[in-house]
């Protein structure tokens, strides 16, 4: 879950084809829970894509300092 345990909620409205809503209800699908899960997945995917794009624009460079820092912390 992306949010913390102390979350606040907001209402959202969306449109769903009647046939899909009817099918979901007949199968016992909780439409609100499915929508929340879908939004959470979409946000996670968008965050990953943004992170990847940022890395591609400014990739990390090898920094010899970290070799020394790792050796120091291993002592």
N, C-alpha and C. Protein backbone atom coordinates (compact mmCIF):
# COMPACT_ATOMS: atom_id res chain seq x y z
N UNK A 1 0.84 -1.17 0.00
CA UNK A 1 0.00 0.00 0.00
C UNK A 1 0.89 1.24 0.00
N UNK A 2 0.54 2.23 -0.78
CA UNK A 2 1.36 3.42 -0.91
C UNK A 2 1.17 4.38 0.26
N UNK A 3 -0.02 4.45 0.82
CA UNK A 3 -0.31 5.42 1.87
C UNK A 3 0.10 4.87 3.24
N UNK A 4 0.22 5.78 4.18
CA UNK A 4 0.54 5.37 5.54
C UNK A 4 -0.71 4.83 6.22
N UNK A 5 -0.54 4.28 7.41
CA UNK A 5 -1.67 3.75 8.16
C UNK A 5 -2.64 4.85 8.58
N UNK A 6 -2.15 6.06 8.78
CA UNK A 6 -2.99 7.18 9.18
C UNK A 6 -3.42 7.95 7.95
N UNK A 7 -4.23 7.33 7.09
CA UNK A 7 -4.61 7.98 5.86
C UNK A 7 -5.92 8.72 6.00
N UNK A 8 -6.05 9.73 5.18
CA UNK A 8 -7.33 10.40 5.03
C UNK A 8 -7.85 10.04 3.66
N UNK A 9 -9.14 10.01 3.52
CA UNK A 9 -9.75 9.58 2.26
C UNK A 9 -10.36 10.77 1.54
N UNK A 10 -10.51 10.61 0.25
CA UNK A 10 -11.21 11.58 -0.57
C UNK A 10 -12.16 10.82 -1.49
N UNK A 11 -13.25 11.43 -1.82
CA UNK A 11 -14.21 10.80 -2.73
C UNK A 11 -13.77 11.01 -4.16
N UNK A 12 -14.02 10.02 -4.98
CA UNK A 12 -13.73 10.12 -6.42
C UNK A 12 -14.92 9.50 -7.15
N UNK A 13 -15.23 10.06 -8.27
CA UNK A 13 -16.33 9.55 -9.08
C UNK A 13 -15.77 9.15 -10.44
N UNK A 14 -16.23 8.03 -10.95
CA UNK A 14 -15.81 7.62 -12.28
C UNK A 14 -16.98 6.95 -12.99
N UNK A 15 -16.87 6.85 -14.27
CA UNK A 15 -17.91 6.25 -15.08
C UNK A 15 -17.47 4.86 -15.51
N UNK A 16 -18.41 3.94 -15.43
CA UNK A 16 -18.14 2.54 -15.76
C UNK A 16 -19.26 2.05 -16.66
N UNK A 17 -18.91 1.32 -17.70
CA UNK A 17 -19.94 0.79 -18.58
C UNK A 17 -20.91 -0.07 -17.77
N UNK A 18 -22.20 0.08 -18.03
CA UNK A 18 -23.22 -0.65 -17.27
C UNK A 18 -23.01 -2.15 -17.35
N UNK A 19 -22.67 -2.66 -18.51
CA UNK A 19 -22.49 -4.11 -18.65
C UNK A 19 -21.33 -4.61 -17.79
N UNK A 20 -20.28 -3.83 -17.69
CA UNK A 20 -19.15 -4.21 -16.86
C UNK A 20 -19.52 -4.14 -15.38
N UNK A 21 -20.24 -3.09 -14.99
CA UNK A 21 -20.68 -2.97 -13.60
C UNK A 21 -21.61 -4.12 -13.24
N UNK A 22 -22.53 -4.46 -14.13
CA UNK A 22 -23.45 -5.58 -13.89
C UNK A 22 -22.67 -6.89 -13.75
N UNK A 23 -21.70 -7.10 -14.61
CA UNK A 23 -20.89 -8.33 -14.54
C UNK A 23 -20.11 -8.39 -13.24
N UNK A 24 -19.52 -7.26 -12.86
CA UNK A 24 -18.76 -7.21 -11.61
C UNK A 24 -19.66 -7.56 -10.43
N UNK A 25 -20.85 -6.96 -10.38
CA UNK A 25 -21.78 -7.25 -9.27
C UNK A 25 -22.18 -8.71 -9.26
N UNK A 26 -22.44 -9.27 -10.44
CA UNK A 26 -22.88 -10.68 -10.49
C UNK A 26 -21.76 -11.63 -10.04
N UNK A 27 -20.52 -11.20 -10.17
CA UNK A 27 -19.38 -12.01 -9.75
C UNK A 27 -18.94 -11.70 -8.32
N UNK A 28 -19.61 -10.75 -7.68
CA UNK A 28 -19.26 -10.40 -6.32
C UNK A 28 -18.04 -9.52 -6.20
N UNK A 29 -17.69 -8.83 -7.28
CA UNK A 29 -16.52 -7.94 -7.26
C UNK A 29 -16.91 -6.64 -6.56
N UNK A 30 -16.12 -6.24 -5.58
CA UNK A 30 -16.32 -4.97 -4.91
C UNK A 30 -15.72 -3.90 -5.83
N UNK A 31 -16.60 -3.15 -6.48
CA UNK A 31 -16.15 -2.18 -7.50
C UNK A 31 -15.30 -1.09 -6.87
N UNK A 32 -15.66 -0.62 -5.70
CA UNK A 32 -14.87 0.43 -5.05
C UNK A 32 -13.46 -0.06 -4.72
N UNK A 33 -13.38 -1.27 -4.17
CA UNK A 33 -12.06 -1.83 -3.83
C UNK A 33 -11.23 -2.06 -5.09
N UNK A 34 -11.88 -2.55 -6.14
CA UNK A 34 -11.16 -2.78 -7.40
C UNK A 34 -10.66 -1.46 -7.98
N UNK A 35 -11.46 -0.41 -7.88
CA UNK A 35 -11.04 0.90 -8.38
C UNK A 35 -9.86 1.43 -7.57
N UNK A 36 -9.93 1.30 -6.24
CA UNK A 36 -8.80 1.73 -5.40
C UNK A 36 -7.53 0.98 -5.77
N UNK A 37 -7.66 -0.32 -5.95
CA UNK A 37 -6.50 -1.14 -6.31
C UNK A 37 -5.95 -0.71 -7.66
N UNK A 38 -6.84 -0.44 -8.61
CA UNK A 38 -6.40 0.00 -9.94
C UNK A 38 -5.68 1.33 -9.90
N UNK A 39 -6.19 2.26 -9.12
CA UNK A 39 -5.53 3.57 -9.01
C UNK A 39 -4.18 3.41 -8.33
N UNK A 40 -4.12 2.60 -7.27
CA UNK A 40 -2.86 2.38 -6.59
C UNK A 40 -1.82 1.78 -7.53
N UNK A 41 -2.23 0.81 -8.33
CA UNK A 41 -1.32 0.19 -9.30
C UNK A 41 -0.86 1.21 -10.34
N UNK A 42 -1.79 2.03 -10.82
CA UNK A 42 -1.44 3.04 -11.83
C UNK A 42 -0.46 4.06 -11.25
N UNK A 43 -0.66 4.46 -10.00
CA UNK A 43 0.25 5.42 -9.36
C UNK A 43 1.63 4.80 -9.18
N UNK A 44 1.67 3.55 -8.72
CA UNK A 44 2.96 2.86 -8.54
C UNK A 44 3.69 2.77 -9.88
N UNK A 45 2.98 2.40 -10.94
CA UNK A 45 3.58 2.29 -12.27
C UNK A 45 4.09 3.65 -12.76
N UNK A 46 3.31 4.71 -12.52
CA UNK A 46 3.72 6.05 -12.95
C UNK A 46 4.95 6.52 -12.18
N UNK A 47 5.00 6.20 -10.88
CA UNK A 47 6.18 6.56 -10.08
C UNK A 47 7.42 5.82 -10.57
N UNK A 48 7.27 4.55 -10.90
CA UNK A 48 8.40 3.77 -11.42
C UNK A 48 8.87 4.34 -12.76
N UNK A 49 7.92 4.71 -13.62
CA UNK A 49 8.28 5.27 -14.92
C UNK A 49 8.98 6.62 -14.74
N UNK A 50 8.49 7.45 -13.83
CA UNK A 50 9.13 8.75 -13.58
C UNK A 50 10.54 8.56 -13.03
N UNK A 51 10.70 7.58 -12.14
CA UNK A 51 12.02 7.29 -11.59
C UNK A 51 12.97 6.83 -12.68
N UNK A 52 12.47 5.95 -13.53
CA UNK A 52 13.29 5.44 -14.64
C UNK A 52 13.68 6.57 -15.60
N UNK A 53 12.72 7.44 -15.91
CA UNK A 53 13.00 8.57 -16.80
C UNK A 53 14.04 9.50 -16.20
N UNK A 54 13.92 9.76 -14.90
CA UNK A 54 14.90 10.62 -14.23
C UNK A 54 16.28 9.99 -14.28
N UNK A 55 16.35 8.68 -14.06
CA UNK A 55 17.65 7.99 -14.12
C UNK A 55 18.23 8.05 -15.53
N UNK A 56 17.37 7.86 -16.54
CA UNK A 56 17.88 7.90 -17.92
C UNK A 56 18.38 9.29 -18.29
N UNK A 57 17.77 10.34 -17.74
CA UNK A 57 18.22 11.71 -18.02
C UNK A 57 19.52 12.03 -17.29
N UNK A 58 19.70 11.46 -16.10
CA UNK A 58 20.89 11.74 -15.30
C UNK A 58 21.35 10.45 -14.63
N UNK A 59 21.94 9.53 -15.40
CA UNK A 59 22.36 8.26 -14.80
C UNK A 59 23.46 8.46 -13.76
N UNK A 60 23.49 7.54 -12.82
CA UNK A 60 24.52 7.60 -11.79
C UNK A 60 25.88 7.33 -12.42
N UNK A 61 26.88 7.96 -11.87
CA UNK A 61 28.25 7.78 -12.35
C UNK A 61 29.04 7.02 -11.29
N UNK A 62 30.03 6.30 -11.71
CA UNK A 62 30.90 5.60 -10.78
C UNK A 62 31.63 6.66 -9.97
N UNK A 63 31.64 6.48 -8.66
CA UNK A 63 32.28 7.42 -7.76
C UNK A 63 33.27 6.63 -6.90
N UNK A 64 34.58 6.82 -7.12
CA UNK A 64 35.57 6.05 -6.36
C UNK A 64 35.49 6.29 -4.85
N UNK A 65 34.88 7.39 -4.42
CA UNK A 65 34.74 7.66 -3.00
C UNK A 65 34.02 6.51 -2.31
N UNK A 66 33.02 5.94 -2.95
CA UNK A 66 32.21 4.90 -2.30
C UNK A 66 33.01 3.63 -2.06
N UNK A 67 33.99 3.34 -2.93
CA UNK A 67 34.85 2.18 -2.66
C UNK A 67 35.59 2.38 -1.34
N UNK A 68 36.10 3.59 -1.12
CA UNK A 68 36.80 3.88 0.12
C UNK A 68 35.84 3.88 1.30
N UNK A 69 34.65 4.42 1.12
CA UNK A 69 33.67 4.48 2.20
C UNK A 69 33.23 3.07 2.60
N UNK A 70 33.02 2.18 1.63
CA UNK A 70 32.64 0.82 1.94
C UNK A 70 33.77 0.09 2.66
N UNK A 71 35.00 0.33 2.22
CA UNK A 71 36.13 -0.32 2.88
C UNK A 71 36.26 0.18 4.32
N UNK A 72 36.02 1.47 4.53
CA UNK A 72 36.12 2.04 5.87
C UNK A 72 35.04 1.45 6.77
N UNK A 73 33.80 1.32 6.25
CA UNK A 73 32.71 0.83 7.09
C UNK A 73 32.84 -0.66 7.39
N UNK A 74 33.63 -1.38 6.62
CA UNK A 74 33.79 -2.82 6.83
C UNK A 74 34.77 -3.12 7.96
N UNK A 75 35.50 -2.12 8.39
CA UNK A 75 36.52 -2.34 9.44
C UNK A 75 35.90 -2.60 10.78
